[in-house]
Amino acid sequence: IGTHVLAFVIFLMMYFVLSDFNGGTAPLEWGSFLLHPLLMTLAFGFFSPIGTVVYGSYERLFRMDHASAKVVHMAVQGVALLTAILGVSTMWIKHDALAAAGILGGPTQPPAHF
């Protein structure tokens, strides 16, 4: 239970910090810079820890059979992986857009940070 609470608190803290940084609006625009840390926090700070403890603790807490606990573990870890892939994708899109706009420069020029 503590892992669930801590994971939720970490995600909420990141969400509110990024929202504040974004002028009070949620950082949910696809391809935006702020969506990347939010998705990575969701993947590795929320879903992954929960998926890790699901396997052992749900059998005891919710009296799940071993096979069901494995399926829930696999599903939550799969969601963590998918969320991480989306987090990397949004940064890839942002970098491509910046490169197309000439902000990141060419292969011999170091990138200008935004």
N, C-alpha and C. Protein backbone atom coordinates (compact mmCIF):
# COMPACT_ATOMS: atom_id res chain seq x y z
N ILE A 1 0.84 -1.19 0.00
CA ILE A 1 0.00 0.00 0.00
C ILE A 1 0.88 1.25 0.00
N GLY A 2 1.97 1.21 0.76
CA GLY A 2 2.86 2.37 0.81
C GLY A 2 3.45 2.71 -0.55
N THR A 3 3.76 1.70 -1.34
CA THR A 3 4.29 1.94 -2.68
C THR A 3 3.26 2.65 -3.54
N HIS A 4 2.01 2.26 -3.43
CA HIS A 4 0.94 2.88 -4.21
C HIS A 4 0.79 4.36 -3.84
N VAL A 5 0.80 4.64 -2.55
CA VAL A 5 0.66 6.02 -2.08
C VAL A 5 1.86 6.85 -2.51
N LEU A 6 3.06 6.33 -2.30
CA LEU A 6 4.27 7.06 -2.68
C LEU A 6 4.33 7.31 -4.18
N ALA A 7 3.98 6.32 -4.98
CA ALA A 7 3.99 6.48 -6.43
C ALA A 7 2.99 7.56 -6.85
N PHE A 8 1.83 7.56 -6.24
CA PHE A 8 0.81 8.56 -6.56
C PHE A 8 1.27 9.96 -6.16
N VAL A 9 1.89 10.08 -5.00
CA VAL A 9 2.40 11.37 -4.53
C VAL A 9 3.50 11.89 -5.46
N ILE A 10 4.41 11.02 -5.87
CA ILE A 10 5.49 11.42 -6.79
C ILE A 10 4.90 11.93 -8.10
N PHE A 11 3.91 11.20 -8.64
CA PHE A 11 3.30 11.63 -9.89
C PHE A 11 2.59 12.97 -9.72
N LEU A 12 1.83 13.14 -8.64
CA LEU A 12 1.11 14.40 -8.42
C LEU A 12 2.08 15.57 -8.25
N MET A 13 3.18 15.34 -7.52
CA MET A 13 4.16 16.41 -7.36
C MET A 13 4.73 16.83 -8.71
N MET A 14 5.09 15.86 -9.53
CA MET A 14 5.64 16.18 -10.85
C MET A 14 4.61 16.90 -11.70
N TYR A 15 3.37 16.44 -11.66
CA TYR A 15 2.31 17.06 -12.45
C TYR A 15 2.13 18.53 -12.05
N PHE A 16 2.06 18.80 -10.75
CA PHE A 16 1.82 20.17 -10.31
C PHE A 16 3.04 21.07 -10.54
N VAL A 17 4.24 20.55 -10.39
CA VAL A 17 5.44 21.34 -10.69
C VAL A 17 5.48 21.70 -12.17
N LEU A 18 5.21 20.72 -13.03
CA LEU A 18 5.22 20.99 -14.48
C LEU A 18 4.07 21.92 -14.88
N SER A 19 2.91 21.76 -14.25
CA SER A 19 1.79 22.67 -14.54
C SER A 19 2.14 24.09 -14.15
N ASP A 20 2.77 24.26 -12.98
CA ASP A 20 3.18 25.58 -12.53
C ASP A 20 4.22 26.17 -13.47
N PHE A 21 5.16 25.36 -13.89
CA PHE A 21 6.19 25.79 -14.84
C PHE A 21 5.58 26.18 -16.18
N ASN A 22 4.44 25.57 -16.52
CA ASN A 22 3.77 25.79 -17.79
C ASN A 22 2.71 26.89 -17.69
N GLY A 23 2.79 27.73 -16.67
CA GLY A 23 1.85 28.83 -16.54
C GLY A 23 0.49 28.41 -15.99
N GLY A 24 0.44 27.31 -15.28
CA GLY A 24 -0.81 26.86 -14.67
C GLY A 24 -1.62 25.91 -15.51
N THR A 25 -1.18 25.63 -16.73
CA THR A 25 -1.90 24.67 -17.57
C THR A 25 -1.21 23.32 -17.55
N ALA A 26 -2.01 22.29 -17.71
CA ALA A 26 -1.49 20.93 -17.69
C ALA A 26 -0.56 20.71 -18.89
N PRO A 27 0.59 20.07 -18.66
CA PRO A 27 1.55 19.82 -19.74
C PRO A 27 1.16 18.58 -20.56
N LEU A 28 0.03 18.65 -21.24
CA LEU A 28 -0.48 17.47 -21.92
C LEU A 28 -0.50 17.57 -23.44
N GLU A 29 0.11 18.61 -23.99
CA GLU A 29 0.14 18.76 -25.44
C GLU A 29 1.14 17.78 -26.04
N TRP A 30 0.68 16.95 -26.99
CA TRP A 30 1.55 15.95 -27.60
C TRP A 30 2.72 16.62 -28.30
N GLY A 31 3.91 16.15 -28.03
CA GLY A 31 5.11 16.71 -28.64
C GLY A 31 5.69 17.87 -27.86
N SER A 32 5.08 18.24 -26.74
CA SER A 32 5.64 19.34 -25.95
C SER A 32 6.78 18.83 -25.09
N PHE A 33 7.66 19.73 -24.72
CA PHE A 33 8.80 19.35 -23.89
C PHE A 33 8.35 18.82 -22.53
N LEU A 34 7.35 19.46 -21.93
CA LEU A 34 6.94 19.12 -20.57
C LEU A 34 6.21 17.78 -20.48
N LEU A 35 5.70 17.29 -21.57
CA LEU A 35 5.03 15.99 -21.54
C LEU A 35 6.05 14.87 -21.32
N HIS A 36 7.26 15.05 -21.79
CA HIS A 36 8.30 14.03 -21.64
C HIS A 36 8.57 13.67 -20.17
N PRO A 37 8.92 14.65 -19.30
CA PRO A 37 9.17 14.27 -17.90
C PRO A 37 7.92 13.75 -17.20
N LEU A 38 6.75 14.24 -17.60
CA LEU A 38 5.51 13.76 -16.99
C LEU A 38 5.28 12.28 -17.33
N LEU A 39 5.46 11.92 -18.59
CA LEU A 39 5.28 10.52 -18.99
C LEU A 39 6.34 9.61 -18.39
N MET A 40 7.57 10.09 -18.32
CA MET A 40 8.64 9.27 -17.74
C MET A 40 8.41 9.07 -16.24
N THR A 41 7.92 10.10 -15.56
CA THR A 41 7.57 9.95 -14.14
C THR A 41 6.43 8.98 -13.97
N LEU A 42 5.45 9.07 -14.86
CA LEU A 42 4.32 8.14 -14.81
C LEU A 42 4.80 6.71 -15.04
N ALA A 43 5.71 6.52 -15.98
CA ALA A 43 6.21 5.18 -16.29
C ALA A 43 7.08 4.61 -15.17
N PHE A 44 8.12 5.38 -14.78
CA PHE A 44 9.11 4.85 -13.85
C PHE A 44 8.89 5.21 -12.39
N GLY A 45 8.04 6.20 -12.13
CA GLY A 45 7.75 6.58 -10.76
C GLY A 45 6.40 6.12 -10.29
N PHE A 46 5.54 5.69 -11.21
CA PHE A 46 4.19 5.27 -10.84
C PHE A 46 3.93 3.81 -11.22
N PHE A 47 3.87 3.54 -12.54
CA PHE A 47 3.49 2.19 -12.98
C PHE A 47 4.55 1.13 -12.65
N SER A 48 5.80 1.44 -12.86
CA SER A 48 6.84 0.43 -12.64
C SER A 48 6.93 -0.02 -11.17
N PRO A 49 6.96 0.90 -10.20
CA PRO A 49 6.99 0.43 -8.81
C PRO A 49 5.74 -0.35 -8.41
N ILE A 50 4.58 0.11 -8.90
CA ILE A 50 3.35 -0.61 -8.58
C ILE A 50 3.38 -1.99 -9.22
N GLY A 51 3.81 -2.07 -10.47
CA GLY A 51 3.90 -3.36 -11.14
C GLY A 51 4.86 -4.31 -10.44
N THR A 52 5.90 -3.75 -9.84
CA THR A 52 6.87 -4.58 -9.13
C THR A 52 6.27 -5.20 -7.87
N VAL A 53 5.54 -4.43 -7.10
CA VAL A 53 4.99 -4.95 -5.84
C VAL A 53 3.70 -5.74 -6.03
N VAL A 54 3.04 -5.55 -7.17
CA VAL A 54 1.79 -6.27 -7.43
C VAL A 54 2.00 -7.78 -7.35
N TYR A 55 3.08 -8.23 -7.90
CA TYR A 55 3.33 -9.66 -8.04
C TYR A 55 3.29 -10.38 -6.69
N GLY A 56 4.00 -9.83 -5.71
CA GLY A 56 4.06 -10.50 -4.42
C GLY A 56 2.96 -10.10 -3.46
N SER A 57 2.63 -8.81 -3.44
CA SER A 57 1.71 -8.33 -2.41
C SER A 57 0.24 -8.57 -2.72
N TYR A 58 -0.14 -8.58 -3.97
CA TYR A 58 -1.56 -8.77 -4.28
C TYR A 58 -2.04 -10.18 -3.96
N GLU A 59 -1.14 -11.14 -4.00
CA GLU A 59 -1.51 -12.50 -3.62
C GLU A 59 -1.94 -12.53 -2.16
N ARG A 60 -1.17 -11.83 -1.31
CA ARG A 60 -1.49 -11.81 0.12
C ARG A 60 -2.63 -10.87 0.45
N LEU A 61 -2.59 -9.64 -0.09
CA LEU A 61 -3.58 -8.63 0.29
C LEU A 61 -4.98 -8.91 -0.27
N PHE A 62 -5.03 -9.32 -1.52
CA PHE A 62 -6.32 -9.50 -2.17
C PHE A 62 -6.66 -10.97 -2.41
N ARG A 63 -5.85 -11.85 -1.85
CA ARG A 63 -6.05 -13.29 -1.96
C ARG A 63 -6.17 -13.75 -3.42
N MET A 64 -5.34 -13.13 -4.26
CA MET A 64 -5.29 -13.52 -5.68
C MET A 64 -4.52 -14.82 -5.81
N ASP A 65 -4.93 -15.62 -6.78
CA ASP A 65 -4.11 -16.80 -7.05
C ASP A 65 -2.85 -16.35 -7.78
N HIS A 66 -1.84 -17.20 -7.79
CA HIS A 66 -0.52 -16.86 -8.33
C HIS A 66 -0.60 -16.47 -9.81
N ALA A 67 -1.39 -17.18 -10.59
CA ALA A 67 -1.49 -16.89 -12.03
C ALA A 67 -2.12 -15.52 -12.28
N SER A 68 -3.14 -15.17 -11.51
CA SER A 68 -3.79 -13.86 -11.67
C SER A 68 -2.84 -12.73 -11.29
N ALA A 69 -2.09 -12.93 -10.21
CA ALA A 69 -1.12 -11.91 -9.79
C ALA A 69 -0.06 -11.71 -10.87
N LYS A 70 0.36 -12.79 -11.52
CA LYS A 70 1.34 -12.67 -12.61
C LYS A 70 0.77 -11.89 -13.78
N VAL A 71 -0.51 -12.11 -14.10
CA VAL A 71 -1.14 -11.40 -15.21
C VAL A 71 -1.25 -9.91 -14.89
N VAL A 72 -1.65 -9.57 -13.66
CA VAL A 72 -1.75 -8.15 -13.26
C VAL A 72 -0.35 -7.52 -13.28
N HIS A 73 0.64 -8.24 -12.77
CA HIS A 73 2.02 -7.75 -12.79
C HIS A 73 2.47 -7.46 -14.22
N MET A 74 2.22 -8.41 -15.12
CA MET A 74 2.62 -8.24 -16.52
C MET A 74 1.88 -7.06 -17.17
N ALA A 75 0.60 -6.91 -16.87
CA ALA A 75 -0.18 -5.83 -17.46
C ALA A 75 0.32 -4.46 -16.99
N VAL A 76 0.55 -4.32 -15.70
CA VAL A 76 1.02 -3.04 -15.17
C VAL A 76 2.42 -2.72 -15.68
N GLN A 77 3.29 -3.71 -15.73
CA GLN A 77 4.63 -3.49 -16.28
C GLN A 77 4.56 -3.16 -17.77
N GLY A 78 3.61 -3.76 -18.48
CA GLY A 78 3.41 -3.44 -19.89
C GLY A 78 2.96 -2.00 -20.08
N VAL A 79 2.08 -1.53 -19.21
CA VAL A 79 1.64 -0.13 -19.26
C VAL A 79 2.82 0.79 -18.96
N ALA A 80 3.68 0.40 -18.02
CA ALA A 80 4.88 1.19 -17.72
C ALA A 80 5.78 1.29 -18.95
N LEU A 81 5.97 0.17 -19.63
CA LEU A 81 6.80 0.16 -20.84
C LEU A 81 6.19 1.03 -21.94
N LEU A 82 4.89 0.91 -22.15
CA LEU A 82 4.22 1.71 -23.17
C LEU A 82 4.30 3.21 -22.84
N THR A 83 4.12 3.55 -21.58
CA THR A 83 4.20 4.95 -21.17
C THR A 83 5.62 5.49 -21.37
N ALA A 84 6.63 4.68 -21.07
CA ALA A 84 8.02 5.10 -21.29
C ALA A 84 8.29 5.31 -22.78
N ILE A 85 7.78 4.43 -23.61
CA ILE A 85 7.96 4.58 -25.07
C ILE A 85 7.29 5.87 -25.55
N LEU A 86 6.11 6.17 -25.03
CA LEU A 86 5.44 7.43 -25.39
C LEU A 86 6.25 8.63 -24.90
N GLY A 87 6.86 8.51 -23.71
CA GLY A 87 7.69 9.60 -23.20
C GLY A 87 8.90 9.87 -24.07
N VAL A 88 9.54 8.83 -24.53
CA VAL A 88 10.68 8.99 -25.44
C VAL A 88 10.20 9.53 -26.79
N SER A 89 9.06 9.05 -27.25
CA SER A 89 8.52 9.50 -28.54
C SER A 89 8.23 10.99 -28.56
N THR A 90 7.64 11.50 -27.47
CA THR A 90 7.31 12.92 -27.46
C THR A 90 8.57 13.78 -27.50
N MET A 91 9.66 13.31 -26.89
CA MET A 91 10.92 14.06 -26.97
C MET A 91 11.51 13.97 -28.36
N TRP A 92 11.38 12.82 -28.99
CA TRP A 92 11.86 12.63 -30.35
C TRP A 92 11.15 13.61 -31.29
N ILE A 93 9.83 13.70 -31.14
CA ILE A 93 9.03 14.62 -31.96
C ILE A 93 9.48 16.06 -31.72
N LYS A 94 9.69 16.42 -30.45
CA LYS A 94 10.10 17.79 -30.12
C LYS A 94 11.47 18.10 -30.73
N HIS A 95 12.40 17.17 -30.64
CA HIS A 95 13.73 17.41 -31.20
C HIS A 95 13.68 17.50 -32.73
N ASP A 96 12.85 16.68 -33.36
CA ASP A 96 12.70 16.77 -34.82
C ASP A 96 12.13 18.12 -35.22
N ALA A 97 11.14 18.61 -34.45
CA ALA A 97 10.54 19.91 -34.76
C ALA A 97 11.56 21.03 -34.58
N LEU A 98 12.37 20.95 -33.53
CA LEU A 98 13.39 21.97 -33.30
C LEU A 98 14.47 21.93 -34.38
N ALA A 99 14.84 20.72 -34.81
CA ALA A 99 15.84 20.58 -35.88
C ALA A 99 15.29 21.14 -37.19
N ALA A 100 14.02 20.87 -37.47
CA ALA A 100 13.40 21.38 -38.70
C ALA A 100 13.33 22.90 -38.68
N ALA A 101 13.18 23.48 -37.50
CA ALA A 101 13.12 24.93 -37.38
C ALA A 101 14.51 25.56 -37.35
N GLY A 102 15.56 24.73 -37.38
CA GLY A 102 16.92 25.24 -37.37
C GLY A 102 17.43 25.62 -35.99
N ILE A 103 16.70 25.24 -34.95
CA ILE A 103 17.11 25.61 -33.59
C ILE A 103 18.19 24.68 -33.06
N LEU A 104 18.15 23.40 -33.42
CA LEU A 104 19.14 22.46 -32.92
C LEU A 104 20.43 22.47 -33.73
N GLY A 105 20.44 23.12 -34.85
CA GLY A 105 21.65 23.19 -35.66
C GLY A 105 21.88 21.92 -36.46
N GLY A 106 23.02 21.85 -37.11
CA GLY A 106 23.37 20.70 -37.93
C GLY A 106 24.21 19.69 -37.18
N PRO A 107 24.72 18.69 -37.89
CA PRO A 107 25.50 17.64 -37.22
C PRO A 107 26.82 18.12 -36.65
N THR A 108 27.37 19.21 -37.16
CA THR A 108 28.66 19.70 -36.64
C THR A 108 28.48 20.80 -35.61
N GLN A 109 27.26 21.28 -35.46
CA GLN A 109 27.00 22.36 -34.52
C GLN A 109 26.38 21.79 -33.24
N PRO A 110 26.91 22.17 -32.06
CA PRO A 110 26.30 21.66 -30.82
C PRO A 110 24.88 22.21 -30.68
N PRO A 111 23.99 21.44 -30.08
CA PRO A 111 22.60 21.90 -29.96
C PRO A 111 22.46 23.06 -29.02
N ALA A 112 21.59 23.97 -29.38
CA ALA A 112 21.22 25.07 -28.49
C ALA A 112 20.06 24.57 -27.64
N HIS A 113 20.18 24.71 -26.34
CA HIS A 113 19.12 24.22 -25.46
C HIS A 113 17.99 25.24 -25.38
N PHE A 114 16.81 24.73 -25.20
CA PHE A 114 15.63 25.58 -25.23
C PHE A 114 15.18 25.91 -23.86
